[in-house]
Protein backbone atom coordinates (compact mmCIF):
# COMPACT_ATOMS: atom_id res chain seq x y z
CA MET A 1 -25.47 68.53 -22.78
CA LYS A 2 -21.67 68.85 -22.78
CA LEU A 3 -21.37 66.07 -20.17
CA ASN A 4 -23.30 63.63 -22.41
CA LYS A 5 -20.94 64.43 -25.32
CA VAL A 6 -17.91 63.76 -23.12
CA LYS A 7 -19.42 60.44 -21.95
CA GLY A 8 -20.15 59.49 -25.57
CA VAL A 9 -16.59 60.31 -26.66
CA GLY A 10 -15.18 58.29 -23.72
CA PHE A 11 -17.38 55.29 -24.55
CA SER A 12 -16.40 55.51 -28.23
CA PHE A 13 -12.72 55.61 -27.30
CA VAL A 14 -13.03 52.52 -25.08
CA LEU A 15 -14.95 50.67 -27.78
CA LEU A 16 -12.30 51.58 -30.38
CA ALA A 17 -9.51 50.39 -28.06
CA LEU A 18 -11.27 47.05 -27.51
CA LEU A 19 -11.76 46.56 -31.26
CA ALA A 20 -8.09 47.31 -31.90
CA ALA A 21 -7.05 44.81 -29.24
CA GLY A 22 -9.33 42.19 -30.77
CA CYS A 23 -7.86 42.75 -34.23
CA GLY A 24 -4.37 42.37 -32.79
CA ALA A 25 -5.32 39.09 -31.13
CA ALA A 26 -6.80 37.83 -34.41
CA ASN A 27 -3.40 38.25 -36.06
CA GLN A 28 -1.80 35.86 -33.56
CA LYS A 29 -1.24 32.23 -34.52
CA MET A 30 -4.32 30.08 -33.83
CA ILE A 31 -4.03 26.68 -32.16
CA ASP A 32 -5.06 23.89 -34.51
CA ASP A 33 -7.74 21.54 -33.17
CA THR A 34 -5.39 18.58 -33.69
CA GLN A 35 -3.20 20.01 -30.90
CA LEU A 36 -5.93 20.07 -28.26
CA SER A 37 -5.88 16.44 -27.17
CA TYR A 38 -4.01 13.16 -27.45
CA ARG A 39 -6.12 12.17 -30.48
CA ASN A 40 -4.09 14.35 -32.86
CA VAL A 41 -6.93 14.45 -35.38
CA PRO A 42 -9.48 17.19 -36.08
CA LEU A 43 -12.16 17.34 -33.39
CA THR A 44 -14.88 16.92 -36.01
CA ASP A 45 -13.34 13.67 -37.31
CA GLU A 46 -14.77 10.63 -35.53
CA LYS A 47 -13.82 8.04 -38.14
CA ASP A 48 -11.21 5.58 -36.89
CA VAL A 49 -10.71 7.55 -33.67
CA ALA A 50 -10.02 5.31 -30.72
CA PRO A 51 -8.29 5.88 -27.40
CA PRO A 52 -4.83 4.40 -26.99
CA PRO A 53 -4.81 0.78 -25.82
CA VAL A 54 -5.00 0.45 -22.05
CA GLU A 55 -3.84 -2.53 -20.05
CA PHE A 56 -5.38 -2.77 -16.61
CA THR A 57 -3.65 -4.67 -13.85
CA LYS A 58 -4.35 -8.40 -13.88
CA ALA A 59 -3.40 -8.96 -10.23
CA ALA A 60 -6.04 -10.83 -8.23
CA PRO A 61 -7.60 -9.10 -5.23
CA GLY A 62 -5.37 -9.44 -2.19
CA THR A 63 -2.19 -9.90 -4.23
CA ALA A 64 -1.75 -6.45 -5.77
CA LYS A 65 0.44 -3.61 -4.55
CA ARG A 66 -1.65 -0.78 -3.07
CA PHE A 67 -1.17 2.70 -4.44
CA GLN A 68 -0.62 5.78 -2.31
CA ARG A 69 -3.61 8.13 -2.41
CA SER A 70 -3.28 11.02 -4.84
CA TYR A 71 -3.97 13.51 -2.04
CA GLU A 72 -5.34 13.42 1.50
CA ASN A 73 -8.78 11.78 1.63
CA ALA A 74 -8.71 11.02 -2.10
CA PRO A 75 -10.67 7.91 -3.08
CA PRO A 76 -8.01 5.18 -3.39
CA MET A 77 -7.36 3.57 -6.76
CA ILE A 78 -8.35 -0.06 -7.21
CA PRO A 79 -5.04 -1.94 -7.35
CA HIS A 80 -6.46 -5.30 -8.45
CA SER A 81 -8.35 -6.66 -11.44
CA VAL A 82 -12.04 -5.78 -11.59
CA GLU A 83 -12.85 -8.51 -14.09
CA GLY A 84 -16.11 -10.14 -13.05
CA LEU A 85 -16.74 -7.50 -10.36
CA LEU A 86 -18.40 -4.93 -12.62
CA PRO A 87 -21.00 -3.66 -13.20
CA ILE A 88 -21.98 -2.75 -9.66
CA THR A 89 -25.66 -2.41 -8.89
CA LYS A 90 -27.46 -1.73 -5.63
CA ASP A 91 -28.45 -5.41 -5.54
CA ASN A 92 -25.09 -6.84 -6.65
CA ASN A 93 -21.87 -5.38 -5.23
CA ALA A 94 -18.97 -7.83 -5.15
CA CYS A 95 -16.68 -5.24 -3.51
CA LEU A 96 -18.52 -5.60 -0.20
CA GLY A 97 -17.42 -9.21 0.19
CA CYS A 98 -13.90 -8.02 1.03
CA HIS A 99 -14.15 -4.33 1.89
CA LEU A 100 -16.88 -4.24 4.56
CA PRO A 101 -15.11 -3.27 7.82
CA SER A 102 -16.28 -6.49 9.51
CA VAL A 103 -14.35 -8.67 7.05
CA ALA A 104 -11.70 -6.36 5.53
CA LYS A 105 -8.92 -7.16 8.01
CA SER A 106 -9.29 -10.93 7.58
CA MET A 107 -9.30 -10.47 3.79
CA GLY A 108 -6.26 -8.15 3.79
CA ALA A 109 -8.39 -5.46 2.15
CA THR A 110 -8.81 -1.76 2.80
CA PRO A 111 -12.00 -1.32 4.86
CA LEU A 112 -14.66 1.08 3.64
CA SER A 113 -14.36 4.54 5.10
CA PRO A 114 -16.91 5.52 7.79
CA THR A 115 -18.15 8.14 5.30
CA HIS A 116 -19.65 5.29 3.25
CA PHE A 117 -22.08 4.54 6.08
CA LYS A 118 -23.11 8.15 6.73
CA ASP A 119 -26.23 9.22 4.87
CA PHE A 120 -25.72 12.95 4.47
CA PHE A 121 -29.24 13.33 3.10
CA ALA A 122 -31.16 11.51 5.87
CA GLU A 123 -32.47 14.73 7.42
CA THR A 124 -33.80 15.86 4.05
CA LYS A 125 -35.40 12.45 3.51
CA GLU A 126 -37.08 12.62 6.92
CA LYS A 127 -38.67 15.91 5.90
CA LEU A 128 -39.74 14.39 2.58
CA GLN A 129 -41.46 11.43 4.28
CA LYS A 130 -44.41 13.69 4.93
CA PHE A 131 -45.20 13.48 1.22
CA ASP A 132 -46.78 10.48 -0.51
CA GLY A 133 -44.32 8.28 -2.37
CA ALA A 134 -41.26 9.53 -0.46
CA SER A 135 -38.32 7.13 -0.31
CA LYS A 136 -37.62 5.20 2.88
CA VAL A 137 -35.08 6.84 5.19
CA HIS A 138 -31.72 5.06 5.35
CA GLN A 139 -31.62 3.81 8.93
CA GLY A 140 -29.36 0.79 9.31
CA LYS A 141 -26.02 1.90 10.75
CA ASP A 142 -24.20 -1.06 9.16
CA ASP A 143 -25.74 -0.43 5.74
CA ILE A 144 -23.92 1.52 3.10
CA ALA A 145 -25.49 4.91 2.49
CA PRO A 146 -27.62 4.83 -0.66
CA GLN A 147 -25.38 7.41 -2.36
CA ARG A 148 -22.33 5.18 -1.92
CA PHE A 149 -23.31 1.76 -3.32
CA ASN A 150 -21.60 2.35 -6.69
CA CYS A 151 -17.91 1.98 -5.81
CA SER A 152 -16.66 2.60 -9.36
CA GLN A 153 -18.27 6.03 -9.29
CA CYS A 154 -15.26 7.29 -7.28
CA HIS A 155 -12.76 4.42 -7.29
CA ALA A 156 -11.09 3.57 -10.60
CA PRO A 157 -8.90 0.60 -11.51
CA GLN A 158 -5.25 1.48 -12.07
CA ALA A 159 -4.09 1.10 -15.64
CA ASN A 160 -0.54 0.41 -16.79
CA VAL A 161 -0.21 3.40 -19.10
CA LYS A 162 2.18 6.22 -19.66
CA PRO A 163 0.73 9.54 -18.50
CA LEU A 164 -0.31 11.83 -21.35
CA VAL A 165 0.92 14.82 -19.36
CA ALA A 166 3.63 14.82 -16.72
CA ASN A 167 2.21 15.20 -13.22
CA LYS A 168 4.25 17.54 -11.03
CA PHE A 169 1.71 17.65 -8.20
CA LYS A 170 3.17 16.68 -4.83
CA PRO A 171 0.50 15.91 -2.22
CA GLU A 172 0.89 16.98 1.38
CA PHE A 173 -0.50 14.71 4.08
CA ARG A 174 -1.21 15.91 7.61
CA SER A 175 -0.10 12.60 9.07
CA PRO A 176 1.45 9.43 7.61
CA GLU A 177 -1.76 7.43 8.21
CA THR A 178 -3.71 9.61 5.76
CA LYS A 179 -1.62 8.23 2.89
CA SER A 180 -3.63 5.02 3.16
CA LYS A 181 -6.64 5.86 5.35
CA SER A 182 -9.46 8.37 5.07
CA THR A 183 -10.02 10.84 7.90
CA LEU A 184 -12.72 12.74 6.02
CA LEU A 185 -15.55 12.03 8.47
CA GLU A 186 -13.50 13.43 11.34
CA GLN A 187 -12.58 16.52 9.31
CA LEU A 188 -16.01 17.38 7.84
CA ASN A 189 -16.70 20.11 10.37
CA GLU A 190 -13.12 21.33 10.58
CA GLY A 191 -13.00 25.10 10.72
CA ILE A 192 -16.66 25.35 11.73
CA GLN A 193 -16.40 24.35 15.37
């Protein structure tokens, strides 16, 4: 019986300490919701709220300066105008006209990474083929993997804007070539072998 009383007193003491700490935190200055983003208006106010104007590069494909990747194997930014190239659908992808490896060099474009042709879900799809209505397995080695047809899902056009927050990140690259070329497919099993 005495042990239960001691446990109850200990629990009560911990609970009291937590309540006191919470009351102390409540006395601290709260951050106003207008300080949480670049909007500088209350989060509940949607009237007349618009993002700052953004000017995307107007350079035509093949004439723009390429950007260094943000980090090793990062999807590269799109350095040229995307006007008339979007939206991308599985039946209409204007990016392929220049970025397929078979034509990229002659176009002066960055060729698609080998990862774009690797269907990482093919084994799962093969198992699913046993069921009625299963999707066809991606088989063509020169075809883009079905998960990769939407280029703008990972690659974004570069905008001429001032950063909202200073970026102090300094990427480290294992070799100079990885500043402009992906080595992800070669490194997928790194550390496992």
